[in-house]
Amino acid sequence: MAGYADSSYQFKGLCCTRLETEKYSAIISPLTGCSVIRLFDKINNIEVFRYKDDVTFDTINQAREIWGLPTLYLPNRFDKGIIKTSDGIYNLPINETLFDNYIHGWVHKREHTVEKAFSDGVRAVLETSYTFDETDEMYEYFPVDFRIEYTFELSDEGGLEQRIKLTDLSPKTLPVSICTHTCLNAPMTAGGKEDTMTLSVPVEKKCELNERCLPTEKLLDLDDWDWEYKNGTKIPTGQVISNDMYTACMNSFDGKDFYGVVVTDHATGHSILNEVSPEFKFWNMWNDNGDKGYFCPEPMTAMINAVNLSLPDSVSGNAELFEGQSFTCSQRFFTV
């Protein structure tokens, strides 16, 4: 099958975009945050992201962060909802009352515009955009106009690549922090077992978090638990993984440098690989108590709460854009 793109594909009662190649099938939902609802390896029967045939969009919409591949801006937690920039302080409404934080932003909850959906016979491509301005209900808390654009490219050779472009449309500075709340399916294959899967994450230093899941600003050496990520022996479900955040370093796969995560099902010999661009400087791991059939190795461009930390930007990953400037990053998912 040559590459194929259909931007009017009806899926679970919603208009989505379907990208198809001989090996892969991807379903993306611009109307509901432009999340990747499903990525399926048809040849090896691998379900990459958390997905269930009988789950409705109503269920997904109740908690978009824990289905498929949602892209978050601004991601993770901000202390008491405060966002500090070089020319402003913004107070976002507390939506994590347990820890008195604001969490995860709103871009993944908005309707995105399909700019293009096409195929050149080899690749299937979707381009989308979302513009934040005074028409959005969050503007009263964060009056900084911006646009975020996604390009999804599916091919047999490259898998699913996502390119992200964030642009400041305001005379005010725009904080930069991007993350995907990557929900990987467990088990990977139909009839597979979760306890035969291992997770390899290229971690260097652990970012200590306090009781409110915010960084203490201490970077710790790896202990035995942490080393299981680094040496690729971590079993990603069946035990609780709760906000393990690390600075990133280089991984390896098949004897070559690989900047990303590798998940291997040792029963089948198949792997899911998530390669990220150098802009992603941190990994945060979470698995919703380990008993829900998925886990989240989340690449982040900045630390949790980076805008409020006293650490140098070179350490925290904190960054800003000025009017007209753009920030880009990318990642891809493929199976072997």
C-alpha atoms as a PDB file:
ATOM      1  CA  MET A   1       0.000   0.000   0.000  1.00  0.00           C
ATOM      2  CA  ALA A   2       1.307   3.452  -0.890  1.00  0.00           C
ATOM      3  CA  GLY A   3       1.029   6.247   1.657  1.00  0.00           C
ATOM      4  CA  TYR A   4      -2.536   7.395   2.205  1.00  0.00           C
ATOM      5  CA  ALA A   5      -4.105  10.349   4.056  1.00  0.00           C
ATOM      6  CA  ASP A   6      -7.805  10.893   4.769  1.00  0.00           C
ATOM      7  CA  SER A   7      -8.766  14.015   6.756  1.00  0.00           C
ATOM      8  CA  SER A   8     -12.481  13.136   6.870  1.00  0.00           C
ATOM      9  CA  TYR A   9     -12.170   9.682   8.393  1.00  0.00           C
ATOM     10  CA  GLN A  10     -15.017   8.880  10.765  1.00  0.00           C
ATOM     11  CA  PHE A  11     -13.703   7.161  13.887  1.00  0.00           C
ATOM     12  CA  LYS A  12     -15.745   6.461  17.005  1.00  0.00           C
ATOM     13  CA  GLY A  13     -18.254   9.052  15.808  1.00  0.00           C
ATOM     14  CA  LEU A  14     -15.725  11.854  15.331  1.00  0.00           C
ATOM     15  CA  CYS A  15     -14.064  13.270  12.225  1.00  0.00           C
ATOM     16  CA  CYS A  16     -10.370  12.353  12.416  1.00  0.00           C
ATOM     17  CA  THR A  17      -7.417  12.058  10.070  1.00  0.00           C
ATOM     18  CA  ARG A  18      -6.191   8.617   9.092  1.00  0.00           C
ATOM     19  CA  LEU A  19      -2.642   8.124   7.852  1.00  0.00           C
ATOM     20  CA  GLU A  20      -1.791   4.756   6.318  1.00  0.00           C
ATOM     21  CA  THR A  21       1.242   2.995   4.898  1.00  0.00           C
ATOM     22  CA  GLU A  22       1.882  -0.669   4.232  1.00  0.00           C
ATOM     23  CA  LYS A  23       3.238  -1.203   7.755  1.00  0.00           C
ATOM     24  CA  TYR A  24       1.532   1.423   9.907  1.00  0.00           C
ATOM     25  CA  SER A  25      -1.868   2.926  10.556  1.00  0.00           C
ATOM     26  CA  ALA A  26      -2.260   6.171  12.527  1.00  0.00           C
ATOM     27  CA  ILE A  27      -5.421   7.984  13.621  1.00  0.00           C
ATOM     28  CA  ILE A  28      -5.129  11.606  14.759  1.00  0.00           C
ATOM     29  CA  SER A  29      -7.924  13.767  16.187  1.00  0.00           C
ATOM     30  CA  PRO A  30      -7.509  17.493  15.405  1.00  0.00           C
ATOM     31  CA  LEU A  31     -10.934  18.230  16.890  1.00  0.00           C
ATOM     32  CA  THR A  32      -9.842  16.974  20.303  1.00  0.00           C
ATOM     33  CA  GLY A  33      -6.406  18.432  20.892  1.00  0.00           C
ATOM     34  CA  CYS A  34      -4.667  16.855  17.904  1.00  0.00           C
ATOM     35  CA  SER A  35      -3.740  13.770  19.911  1.00  0.00           C
ATOM     36  CA  VAL A  36      -2.634  10.615  18.142  1.00  0.00           C
ATOM     37  CA  ILE A  37      -5.458   8.299  19.117  1.00  0.00           C
ATOM     38  CA  ARG A  38      -3.881   5.186  17.662  1.00  0.00           C
ATOM     39  CA  LEU A  39      -0.627   4.007  16.085  1.00  0.00           C
ATOM     40  CA  PHE A  40      -0.716   0.386  14.968  1.00  0.00           C
ATOM     41  CA  ASP A  41       1.968  -1.777  13.374  1.00  0.00           C
ATOM     42  CA  LYS A  42      -0.153  -3.942  11.077  1.00  0.00           C
ATOM     43  CA  ILE A  43       2.620  -6.346  10.170  1.00  0.00           C
ATOM     44  CA  ASN A  44       3.773  -7.188  13.707  1.00  0.00           C
ATOM     45  CA  ASN A  45       0.416  -6.579  15.431  1.00  0.00           C
ATOM     46  CA  ILE A  46       1.910  -3.965  17.782  1.00  0.00           C
ATOM     47  CA  GLU A  47      -0.363  -1.433  19.503  1.00  0.00           C
ATOM     48  CA  VAL A  48       2.006   1.451  20.245  1.00  0.00           C
ATOM     49  CA  PHE A  49      -0.177   3.836  22.255  1.00  0.00           C
ATOM     50  CA  ARG A  50      -2.821   3.109  24.868  1.00  0.00           C
ATOM     51  CA  TYR A  51      -5.892   2.085  22.915  1.00  0.00           C
ATOM     52  CA  LYS A  52      -9.024  -0.008  23.366  1.00  0.00           C
ATOM     53  CA  ASP A  53     -11.572  -0.769  20.657  1.00  0.00           C
ATOM     54  CA  ASP A  54     -14.503  -0.403  23.047  1.00  0.00           C
ATOM     55  CA  VAL A  55     -13.442   2.957  24.538  1.00  0.00           C
ATOM     56  CA  THR A  56     -15.501   5.896  23.299  1.00  0.00           C
ATOM     57  CA  PHE A  57     -14.371   9.449  22.621  1.00  0.00           C
ATOM     58  CA  ASP A  58     -16.504  10.521  25.567  1.00  0.00           C
ATOM     59  CA  THR A  59     -14.290   8.426  27.825  1.00  0.00           C
ATOM     60  CA  ILE A  60     -11.110   9.760  26.223  1.00  0.00           C
ATOM     61  CA  ASN A  61     -12.306  13.343  26.593  1.00  0.00           C
ATOM     62  CA  GLN A  62     -12.743  12.906  30.330  1.00  0.00           C
ATOM     63  CA  ALA A  63      -8.968  12.480  30.639  1.00  0.00           C
ATOM     64  CA  ARG A  64      -7.184  13.244  27.387  1.00  0.00           C
ATOM     65  CA  GLU A  65      -3.779  13.101  29.060  1.00  0.00           C
ATOM     66  CA  ILE A  66      -3.955   9.328  29.503  1.00  0.00           C
ATOM     67  CA  TRP A  67      -4.946   8.122  26.030  1.00  0.00           C
ATOM     68  CA  GLY A  68      -2.748   7.929  22.954  1.00  0.00           C
ATOM     69  CA  LEU A  69      -0.205  10.673  22.361  1.00  0.00           C
ATOM     70  CA  PRO A  70      -1.376  14.091  23.640  1.00  0.00           C
ATOM     71  CA  THR A  71       0.999  17.044  23.281  1.00  0.00           C
ATOM     72  CA  LEU A  72       1.084  19.374  26.275  1.00  0.00           C
ATOM     73  CA  TYR A  73       1.798  23.097  26.498  1.00  0.00           C
ATOM     74  CA  LEU A  74       2.405  24.178  29.209  1.00  0.00           C
ATOM     75  CA  PRO A  75       3.155  20.712  30.636  1.00  0.00           C
ATOM     76  CA  ASN A  76       3.245  19.280  34.108  1.00  0.00           C
ATOM     77  CA  ARG A  77       3.028  21.222  37.369  1.00  0.00           C
ATOM     78  CA  PHE A  78       3.409  24.907  38.195  1.00  0.00           C
ATOM     79  CA  ASP A  79       3.659  25.894  41.843  1.00  0.00           C
ATOM     80  CA  LYS A  80       0.361  27.483  42.935  1.00  0.00           C
ATOM     81  CA  GLY A  81      -0.398  28.173  39.266  1.00  0.00           C
ATOM     82  CA  ILE A  82       2.309  30.818  38.951  1.00  0.00           C
ATOM     83  CA  ILE A  83       4.052  31.346  35.596  1.00  0.00           C
ATOM     84  CA  LYS A  84       6.996  33.774  35.754  1.00  0.00           C
ATOM     85  CA  THR A  85       8.605  35.253  32.655  1.00  0.00           C
ATOM     86  CA  SER A  86      11.192  37.993  32.188  1.00  0.00           C
ATOM     87  CA  ASP A  87       8.420  40.557  31.670  1.00  0.00           C
ATOM     88  CA  GLY A  88       5.411  39.211  33.527  1.00  0.00           C
ATOM     89  CA  ILE A  89       3.837  37.040  36.215  1.00  0.00           C
ATOM     90  CA  TYR A  90       0.680  35.058  35.432  1.00  0.00           C
ATOM     91  CA  ASN A  91      -1.620  33.249  37.840  1.00  0.00           C
ATOM     92  CA  LEU A  92      -3.307  30.223  36.327  1.00  0.00           C
ATOM     93  CA  PRO A  93      -6.299  28.629  38.082  1.00  0.00           C
ATOM     94  CA  ILE A  94      -5.466  25.709  40.351  1.00  0.00           C
ATOM     95  CA  ASN A  95      -6.619  22.474  38.688  1.00  0.00           C
ATOM     96  CA  GLU A  96      -4.678  20.048  40.866  1.00  0.00           C
ATOM     97  CA  THR A  97      -6.172  20.802  44.250  1.00  0.00           C
ATOM     98  CA  LEU A  98      -4.389  17.905  45.964  1.00  0.00           C
ATOM     99  CA  PHE A  99      -1.007  19.627  45.515  1.00  0.00           C
ATOM    100  CA  ASP A 100      -2.168  23.228  44.976  1.00  0.00           C
ATOM    101  CA  ASN A 101      -0.722  23.337  41.436  1.00  0.00           C
ATOM    102  CA  TYR A 102      -1.750  24.126  37.902  1.00  0.00           C
ATOM    103  CA  ILE A 103      -1.081  21.180  35.598  1.00  0.00           C
ATOM    104  CA  HIS A 104      -0.743  20.374  31.883  1.00  0.00           C
ATOM    105  CA  GLY A 105      -2.043  23.460  30.067  1.00  0.00           C
ATOM    106  CA  TRP A 106      -4.942  23.529  27.627  1.00  0.00           C
ATOM    107  CA  VAL A 107      -3.593  23.022  24.084  1.00  0.00           C
ATOM    108  CA  HIS A 108      -4.475  19.313  24.198  1.00  0.00           C
ATOM    109  CA  LYS A 109      -8.086  20.266  24.990  1.00  0.00           C
ATOM    110  CA  ARG A 110      -8.633  22.638  22.058  1.00  0.00           C
ATOM    111  CA  GLU A 111      -9.805  22.113  18.488  1.00  0.00           C
ATOM    112  CA  HIS A 112      -6.921  22.327  16.028  1.00  0.00           C
ATOM    113  CA  THR A 113      -7.162  23.335  12.370  1.00  0.00           C
ATOM    114  CA  VAL A 114      -6.199  20.927   9.602  1.00  0.00           C
ATOM    115  CA  GLU A 115      -3.895  22.866   7.288  1.00  0.00           C
ATOM    116  CA  LYS A 116      -2.933  20.007   4.954  1.00  0.00           C
ATOM    117  CA  ALA A 117      -3.418  16.261   4.682  1.00  0.00           C
ATOM    118  CA  PHE A 118      -1.712  14.564   1.764  1.00  0.00           C
ATOM    119  CA  SER A 119       0.389  11.688   0.531  1.00  0.00           C
ATOM    120  CA  ASP A 120       3.243  11.609  -1.960  1.00  0.00           C
ATOM    121  CA  GLY A 121       2.876   7.895  -2.485  1.00  0.00           C
ATOM    122  CA  VAL A 122       5.449   7.004   0.179  1.00  0.00           C
ATOM    123  CA  ARG A 123       4.664   9.296   3.107  1.00  0.00           C
ATOM    124  CA  ALA A 124       1.288  10.241   4.569  1.00  0.00           C
ATOM    125  CA  VAL A 125       1.341  13.718   6.126  1.00  0.00           C
ATOM    126  CA  LEU A 126      -0.940  15.807   8.334  1.00  0.00           C
ATOM    127  CA  GLU A 127      -0.240  19.475   9.160  1.00  0.00           C
ATOM    128  CA  THR A 128      -2.294  21.263  11.835  1.00  0.00           C
ATOM    129  CA  SER A 129      -2.272  24.481  13.830  1.00  0.00           C
ATOM    130  CA  TYR A 130      -3.832  26.023  16.916  1.00  0.00           C
ATOM    131  CA  THR A 131      -3.761  29.759  17.633  1.00  0.00           C
ATOM    132  CA  PHE A 132      -4.258  31.042  21.160  1.00  0.00           C
ATOM    133  CA  ASP A 133      -5.708  34.548  21.482  1.00  0.00           C
ATOM    134  CA  GLU A 134      -8.298  36.619  23.335  1.00  0.00           C
ATOM    135  CA  THR A 135     -11.128  34.334  22.179  1.00  0.00           C
ATOM    136  CA  ASP A 136      -9.908  31.568  24.501  1.00  0.00           C
ATOM    137  CA  GLU A 137     -11.264  31.341  28.054  1.00  0.00           C
ATOM    138  CA  MET A 138      -7.713  30.961  29.409  1.00  0.00           C
ATOM    139  CA  TYR A 139      -6.675  34.334  27.982  1.00  0.00           C
ATOM    140  CA  GLU A 140      -7.790  36.175  31.109  1.00  0.00           C
ATOM    141  CA  TYR A 141      -5.127  34.264  33.022  1.00  0.00           C
ATOM    142  CA  PHE A 142      -2.442  34.125  30.338  1.00  0.00           C
ATOM    143  CA  PRO A 143      -2.791  37.015  27.814  1.00  0.00           C
ATOM    144  CA  VAL A 144       0.120  35.986  25.572  1.00  0.00           C
ATOM    145  CA  ASP A 145      -0.835  35.164  21.979  1.00  0.00           C
ATOM    146  CA  PHE A 146       0.898  32.173  20.391  1.00  0.00           C
ATOM    147  CA  ARG A 147       0.535  29.565  17.681  1.00  0.00           C
ATOM    148  CA  ILE A 148       1.515  25.917  17.881  1.00  0.00           C
ATOM    149  CA  GLU A 149       1.836  23.828  14.737  1.00  0.00           C
ATOM    150  CA  TYR A 150       2.198  20.068  14.346  1.00  0.00           C
ATOM    151  CA  THR A 151       3.358  18.036  11.385  1.00  0.00           C
ATOM    152  CA  PHE A 152       2.756  14.299  11.532  1.00  0.00           C
ATOM    153  CA  GLU A 153       4.564  12.218   8.917  1.00  0.00           C
ATOM    154  CA  LEU A 154       4.011   8.468   8.575  1.00  0.00           C
ATOM    155  CA  SER A 155       6.243   6.186   6.521  1.00  0.00           C
ATOM    156  CA  ASP A 156       7.258   2.552   6.610  1.00  0.00           C
ATOM    157  CA  GLU A 157      10.918   3.462   6.992  1.00  0.00           C
ATOM    158  CA  GLY A 158      10.592   6.232   9.580  1.00  0.00           C
ATOM    159  CA  GLY A 159       7.451   5.291  11.481  1.00  0.00           C
ATOM    160  CA  LEU A 160       5.458   8.231  12.849  1.00  0.00           C
ATOM    161  CA  GLU A 161       7.382  11.501  13.124  1.00  0.00           C
ATOM    162  CA  GLN A 162       5.915  14.511  14.931  1.00  0.00           C
ATOM    163  CA  ARG A 163       7.396  17.976  14.416  1.00  0.00           C
ATOM    164  CA  ILE A 164       6.295  20.769  16.746  1.00  0.00           C
ATOM    165  CA  LYS A 165       6.672  24.501  16.153  1.00  0.00           C
ATOM    166  CA  LEU A 166       5.755  27.067  18.820  1.00  0.00           C
ATOM    167  CA  THR A 167       5.646  30.763  17.808  1.00  0.00           C
ATOM    168  CA  ASP A 168       5.215  33.867  19.967  1.00  0.00           C
ATOM    169  CA  LEU A 169       2.585  36.179  18.430  1.00  0.00           C
ATOM    170  CA  SER A 170       2.633  38.677  21.279  1.00  0.00           C
ATOM    171  CA  PRO A 171       4.875  41.585  22.316  1.00  0.00           C
ATOM    172  CA  LYS A 172       5.174  39.722  25.621  1.00  0.00           C
ATOM    173  CA  THR A 173       7.685  36.924  26.160  1.00  0.00           C
ATOM    174  CA  LEU A 174       6.392  33.372  25.831  1.00  0.00           C
ATOM    175  CA  PRO A 175       7.723  30.595  28.094  1.00  0.00           C
ATOM    176  CA  VAL A 176       8.842  27.447  26.296  1.00  0.00           C
ATOM    177  CA  SER A 177       8.067  24.060  27.799  1.00  0.00           C
ATOM    178  CA  ILE A 178       6.745  21.189  25.705  1.00  0.00           C
ATOM    179  CA  CYS A 179       6.048  17.587  26.591  1.00  0.00           C
ATOM    180  CA  THR A 180       4.137  14.665  25.163  1.00  0.00           C
ATOM    181  CA  HIS A 181       2.244  12.606  27.708  1.00  0.00           C
ATOM    182  CA  THR A 182       3.257   9.459  25.841  1.00  0.00           C
ATOM    183  CA  CYS A 183       0.896   6.627  26.814  1.00  0.00           C
ATOM    184  CA  LEU A 184       2.446   3.359  25.655  1.00  0.00           C
ATOM    185  CA  ASN A 185       0.266   0.266  25.582  1.00  0.00           C
ATOM    186  CA  ALA A 186       0.927  -2.720  27.836  1.00  0.00           C
ATOM    187  CA  PRO A 187       1.127  -5.359  26.577  1.00  0.00           C
ATOM    188  CA  MET A 188       2.405  -4.298  23.157  1.00  0.00           C
ATOM    189  CA  THR A 189       0.880  -7.172  21.231  1.00  0.00           C
ATOM    190  CA  ALA A 190      -2.456  -8.991  21.369  1.00  0.00           C
ATOM    191  CA  GLY A 191      -2.102 -11.927  23.735  1.00  0.00           C
ATOM    192  CA  GLY A 192       1.200 -10.605  25.053  1.00  0.00           C
ATOM    193  CA  LYS A 193       2.182 -10.246  28.697  1.00  0.00           C
ATOM    194  CA  GLU A 194       3.134  -7.088  30.543  1.00  0.00           C
ATOM    195  CA  ASP A 195       5.812  -8.751  32.645  1.00  0.00           C
ATOM    196  CA  THR A 196       7.861  -9.669  29.575  1.00  0.00           C
ATOM    197  CA  MET A 197       8.299  -5.994  28.686  1.00  0.00           C
ATOM    198  CA  THR A 198      11.244  -3.828  29.741  1.00  0.00           C
ATOM    199  CA  LEU A 199      11.864  -0.098  29.457  1.00  0.00           C
ATOM    200  CA  SER A 200      15.199   1.555  28.653  1.00  0.00           C
ATOM    201  CA  VAL A 201      15.447   5.305  29.323  1.00  0.00           C
ATOM    202  CA  PRO A 202      18.697   7.327  28.911  1.00  0.00           C
ATOM    203  CA  VAL A 203      18.872   8.953  32.333  1.00  0.00           C
ATOM    204  CA  GLU A 204      21.826  10.778  33.889  1.00  0.00           C
ATOM    205  CA  LYS A 205      20.795  12.562  37.105  1.00  0.00           C
ATOM    206  CA  LYS A 206      17.573  12.246  39.091  1.00  0.00           C
ATOM    207  CA  CYS A 207      15.642  15.461  39.681  1.00  0.00           C
ATOM    208  CA  GLU A 208      14.495  15.251  43.286  1.00  0.00           C
ATOM    209  CA  LEU A 209      10.817  16.141  43.805  1.00  0.00           C
ATOM    210  CA  ASN A 210       9.092  17.224  46.997  1.00  0.00           C
ATOM    211  CA  GLU A 211       5.775  16.035  48.422  1.00  0.00           C
ATOM    212  CA  ARG A 212       3.910  18.277  45.929  1.00  0.00           C
ATOM    213  CA  CYS A 213       5.744  16.712  42.969  1.00  0.00           C
ATOM    214  CA  LEU A 214       7.802  19.883  42.407  1.00  0.00           C
ATOM    215  CA  PRO A 215      11.602  19.942  42.007  1.00  0.00           C
ATOM    216  CA  THR A 216      13.678  20.654  45.101  1.00  0.00           C
ATOM    217  CA  GLU A 217      16.424  21.820  42.676  1.00  0.00           C
ATOM    218  CA  LYS A 218      18.675  18.946  43.808  1.00  0.00           C
ATOM    219  CA  LEU A 219      20.146  16.648  41.140  1.00  0.00           C
ATOM    220  CA  LEU A 220      20.892  13.227  42.617  1.00  0.00           C
ATOM    221  CA  ASP A 221      23.117  10.345  41.587  1.00  0.00           C
ATOM    222  CA  LEU A 222      21.258   7.273  40.363  1.00  0.00           C
ATOM    223  CA  ASP A 223      20.327   4.583  42.883  1.00  0.00           C
ATOM    224  CA  ASP A 224      19.465   0.933  42.119  1.00  0.00           C
ATOM    225  CA  TRP A 225      15.867   1.806  41.131  1.00  0.00           C
ATOM    226  CA  ASP A 226      17.073   4.483  38.727  1.00  0.00           C
ATOM    227  CA  TRP A 227      19.715   2.249  37.183  1.00  0.00           C
ATOM    228  CA  GLU A 228      16.989  -0.113  36.012  1.00  0.00           C
ATOM    229  CA  TYR A 229      15.930   2.618  33.558  1.00  0.00           C
ATOM    230  CA  LYS A 230      19.492   3.175  32.405  1.00  0.00           C
ATOM    231  CA  ASN A 231      20.394  -0.484  31.916  1.00  0.00           C
ATOM    232  CA  GLY A 232      17.055  -1.335  30.327  1.00  0.00           C
ATOM    233  CA  THR A 233      15.717  -3.754  32.930  1.00  0.00           C
ATOM    234  CA  LYS A 234      12.839  -1.651  34.264  1.00  0.00           C
ATOM    235  CA  ILE A 235       9.474  -3.430  34.051  1.00  0.00           C
ATOM    236  CA  PRO A 236       7.137  -0.495  33.267  1.00  0.00           C
ATOM    237  CA  THR A 237       3.911  -1.887  34.757  1.00  0.00           C
ATOM    238  CA  GLY A 238       2.933  -4.081  37.682  1.00  0.00           C
ATOM    239  CA  GLN A 239       4.655  -1.705  40.098  1.00  0.00           C
ATOM    240  CA  VAL A 240       4.086   1.949  40.896  1.00  0.00           C
ATOM    241  CA  ILE A 241       6.105   4.497  38.926  1.00  0.00           C
ATOM    242  CA  SER A 242       5.194   7.997  40.037  1.00  0.00           C
ATOM    243  CA  ASN A 243       6.927  11.042  38.572  1.00  0.00           C
ATOM    244  CA  ASP A 244      10.480   9.781  38.255  1.00  0.00           C
ATOM    245  CA  MET A 245      12.147  12.764  36.556  1.00  0.00           C
ATOM    246  CA  TYR A 246      15.675  12.725  35.161  1.00  0.00           C
ATOM    247  CA  THR A 247      18.074  14.700  33.050  1.00  0.00           C
ATOM    248  CA  ALA A 248      18.550  13.020  29.674  1.00  0.00           C
ATOM    249  CA  CYS A 249      21.644  11.557  28.063  1.00  0.00           C
ATOM    250  CA  MET A 250      22.433   9.330  25.087  1.00  0.00           C
ATOM    251  CA  ASN A 251      21.018   5.816  24.848  1.00  0.00           C
ATOM    252  CA  SER A 252      22.048   3.066  22.435  1.00  0.00           C
ATOM    253  CA  PHE A 253      20.227   0.595  20.217  1.00  0.00           C
ATOM    254  CA  ASP A 254      21.787  -2.138  18.098  1.00  0.00           C
ATOM    255  CA  GLY A 255      25.230  -0.857  19.031  1.00  0.00           C
ATOM    256  CA  LYS A 256      24.569   2.701  17.809  1.00  0.00           C
ATOM    257  CA  ASP A 257      23.824   5.949  19.614  1.00  0.00           C
ATOM    258  CA  PHE A 258      20.103   6.465  20.065  1.00  0.00           C
ATOM    259  CA  TYR A 259      18.651   9.542  21.795  1.00  0.00           C
ATOM    260  CA  GLY A 260      15.419   8.151  23.127  1.00  0.00           C
ATOM    261  CA  VAL A 261      13.485   5.364  24.798  1.00  0.00           C
ATOM    262  CA  VAL A 262      13.390   1.681  23.894  1.00  0.00           C
ATOM    263  CA  VAL A 263      10.620  -0.667  25.020  1.00  0.00           C
ATOM    264  CA  THR A 264      11.207  -4.366  24.344  1.00  0.00           C
ATOM    265  CA  ASP A 265       8.847  -7.311  24.568  1.00  0.00           C
ATOM    266  CA  HIS A 266      11.223 -10.172  25.278  1.00  0.00           C
ATOM    267  CA  ALA A 267       8.553 -12.793  24.547  1.00  0.00           C
ATOM    268  CA  THR A 268       8.218 -11.670  20.922  1.00  0.00           C
ATOM    269  CA  GLY A 269      11.537  -9.903  20.362  1.00  0.00           C
ATOM    270  CA  HIS A 270       9.775  -6.766  19.120  1.00  0.00           C
ATOM    271  CA  SER A 271      10.545  -3.234  20.302  1.00  0.00           C
ATOM    272  CA  ILE A 272       8.918   0.199  20.281  1.00  0.00           C
ATOM    273  CA  LEU A 273      11.384   3.056  19.904  1.00  0.00           C
ATOM    274  CA  ASN A 274      10.772   6.727  20.683  1.00  0.00           C
ATOM    275  CA  GLU A 275      13.581   8.890  19.320  1.00  0.00           C
ATOM    276  CA  VAL A 276      13.505  12.566  20.347  1.00  0.00           C
ATOM    277  CA  SER A 277      15.318  15.692  19.204  1.00  0.00           C
ATOM    278  CA  PRO A 278      18.038  17.305  21.386  1.00  0.00           C
ATOM    279  CA  GLU A 279      15.587  19.955  22.625  1.00  0.00           C
ATOM    280  CA  PHE A 280      14.077  17.303  24.911  1.00  0.00           C
ATOM    281  CA  LYS A 281      16.452  17.431  27.869  1.00  0.00           C
ATOM    282  CA  PHE A 282      14.419  15.547  30.505  1.00  0.00           C
ATOM    283  CA  TRP A 283      12.388  12.386  30.955  1.00  0.00           C
ATOM    284  CA  ASN A 284       9.527  11.955  33.401  1.00  0.00           C
ATOM    285  CA  MET A 285       8.141   8.474  34.072  1.00  0.00           C
ATOM    286  CA  TRP A 286       4.663   7.675  35.368  1.00  0.00           C
ATOM    287  CA  ASN A 287       2.325   4.697  35.069  1.00  0.00           C
ATOM    288  CA  ASP A 288      -0.924   5.507  36.881  1.00  0.00           C
ATOM    289  CA  ASN A 289      -0.226   3.002  39.710  1.00  0.00           C
ATOM    290  CA  GLY A 290       0.987   0.406  37.211  1.00  0.00           C
ATOM    291  CA  ASP A 291      -2.308  -1.447  36.912  1.00  0.00           C
ATOM    292  CA  LYS A 292      -4.084   0.306  34.011  1.00  0.00           C
ATOM    293  CA  GLY A 293      -2.404  -1.358  31.007  1.00  0.00           C
ATOM    294  CA  TYR A 294      -0.197   1.578  30.016  1.00  0.00           C
ATOM    295  CA  PHE A 295       2.828   3.619  31.086  1.00  0.00           C
ATOM    296  CA  CYS A 296       4.215   7.045  30.225  1.00  0.00           C
ATOM    297  CA  PRO A 297       7.850   7.811  29.449  1.00  0.00           C
ATOM    298  CA  GLU A 298       7.403  11.540  28.846  1.00  0.00           C
ATOM    299  CA  PRO A 299      10.058  13.609  27.049  1.00  0.00           C
ATOM    300  CA  MET A 300      10.189  17.201  28.332  1.00  0.00           C
ATOM    301  CA  THR A 301      12.053  20.252  27.065  1.00  0.00           C
ATOM    302  CA  ALA A 302      12.179  21.748  30.577  1.00  0.00           C
ATOM    303  CA  MET A 303      11.943  20.632  34.176  1.00  0.00           C
ATOM    304  CA  ILE A 304       8.671  20.591  36.028  1.00  0.00           C
ATOM    305  CA  ASN A 305       7.991  24.153  37.292  1.00  0.00           C
ATOM    306  CA  ALA A 306      11.080  25.435  35.444  1.00  0.00           C
ATOM    307  CA  VAL A 307       9.752  29.001  35.186  1.00  0.00           C
ATOM    308  CA  ASN A 308       9.760  29.305  38.993  1.00  0.00           C
ATOM    309  CA  LEU A 309      13.086  27.646  39.796  1.00  0.00           C
ATOM    310  CA  SER A 310      16.268  29.439  40.823  1.00  0.00           C
ATOM    311  CA  LEU A 311      18.427  27.052  38.786  1.00  0.00           C
ATOM    312  CA  PRO A 312      20.242  28.444  35.730  1.00  0.00           C
ATOM    313  CA  ASP A 313      18.245  28.045  32.527  1.00  0.00           C
ATOM    314  CA  SER A 314      21.022  25.829  31.206  1.00  0.00           C
ATOM    315  CA  VAL A 315      20.172  23.369  33.988  1.00  0.00           C
ATOM    316  CA  SER A 316      16.366  23.703  34.215  1.00  0.00           C
ATOM    317  CA  GLY A 317      15.735  23.958  30.477  1.00  0.00           C
ATOM    318  CA  ASN A 318      13.721  27.129  30.986  1.00  0.00           C
ATOM    319  CA  ALA A 319      13.501  29.207  27.802  1.00  0.00           C
ATOM    320  CA  GLU A 320      11.524  32.118  26.364  1.00  0.00           C
ATOM    321  CA  LEU A 321      10.511  33.415  22.959  1.00  0.00           C
ATOM    322  CA  PHE A 322      10.153  37.035  21.897  1.00  0.00           C
ATOM    323  CA  GLU A 323       7.551  38.259  19.423  1.00  0.00           C
ATOM    324  CA  GLY A 324       7.938  36.506  16.078  1.00  0.00           C
ATOM    325  CA  GLN A 325      10.412  33.922  17.362  1.00  0.00           C
ATOM    326  CA  SER A 326       9.762  30.188  17.082  1.00  0.00           C
ATOM    327  CA  PHE A 327      10.904  27.072  18.918  1.00  0.00           C
ATOM    328  CA  THR A 328      10.950  23.677  17.211  1.00  0.00           C
ATOM    329  CA  CYS A 329      11.380  20.116  18.407  1.00  0.00           C
ATOM    330  CA  SER A 330      10.525  16.679  17.090  1.00  0.00           C
ATOM    331  CA  GLN A 331      10.230  13.003  17.866  1.00  0.00           C
ATOM    332  CA  ARG A 332       9.349   9.775  16.130  1.00  0.00           C
ATOM    333  CA  PHE A 333       7.951   6.364  17.008  1.00  0.00           C
ATOM    334  CA  PHE A 334       8.776   3.184  15.146  1.00  0.00           C
ATOM    335  CA  THR A 335       8.767  -0.554  15.750  1.00  0.00           C
ATOM    336  CA  VAL A 336      11.225  -3.331  15.012  1.00  0.00           C
END
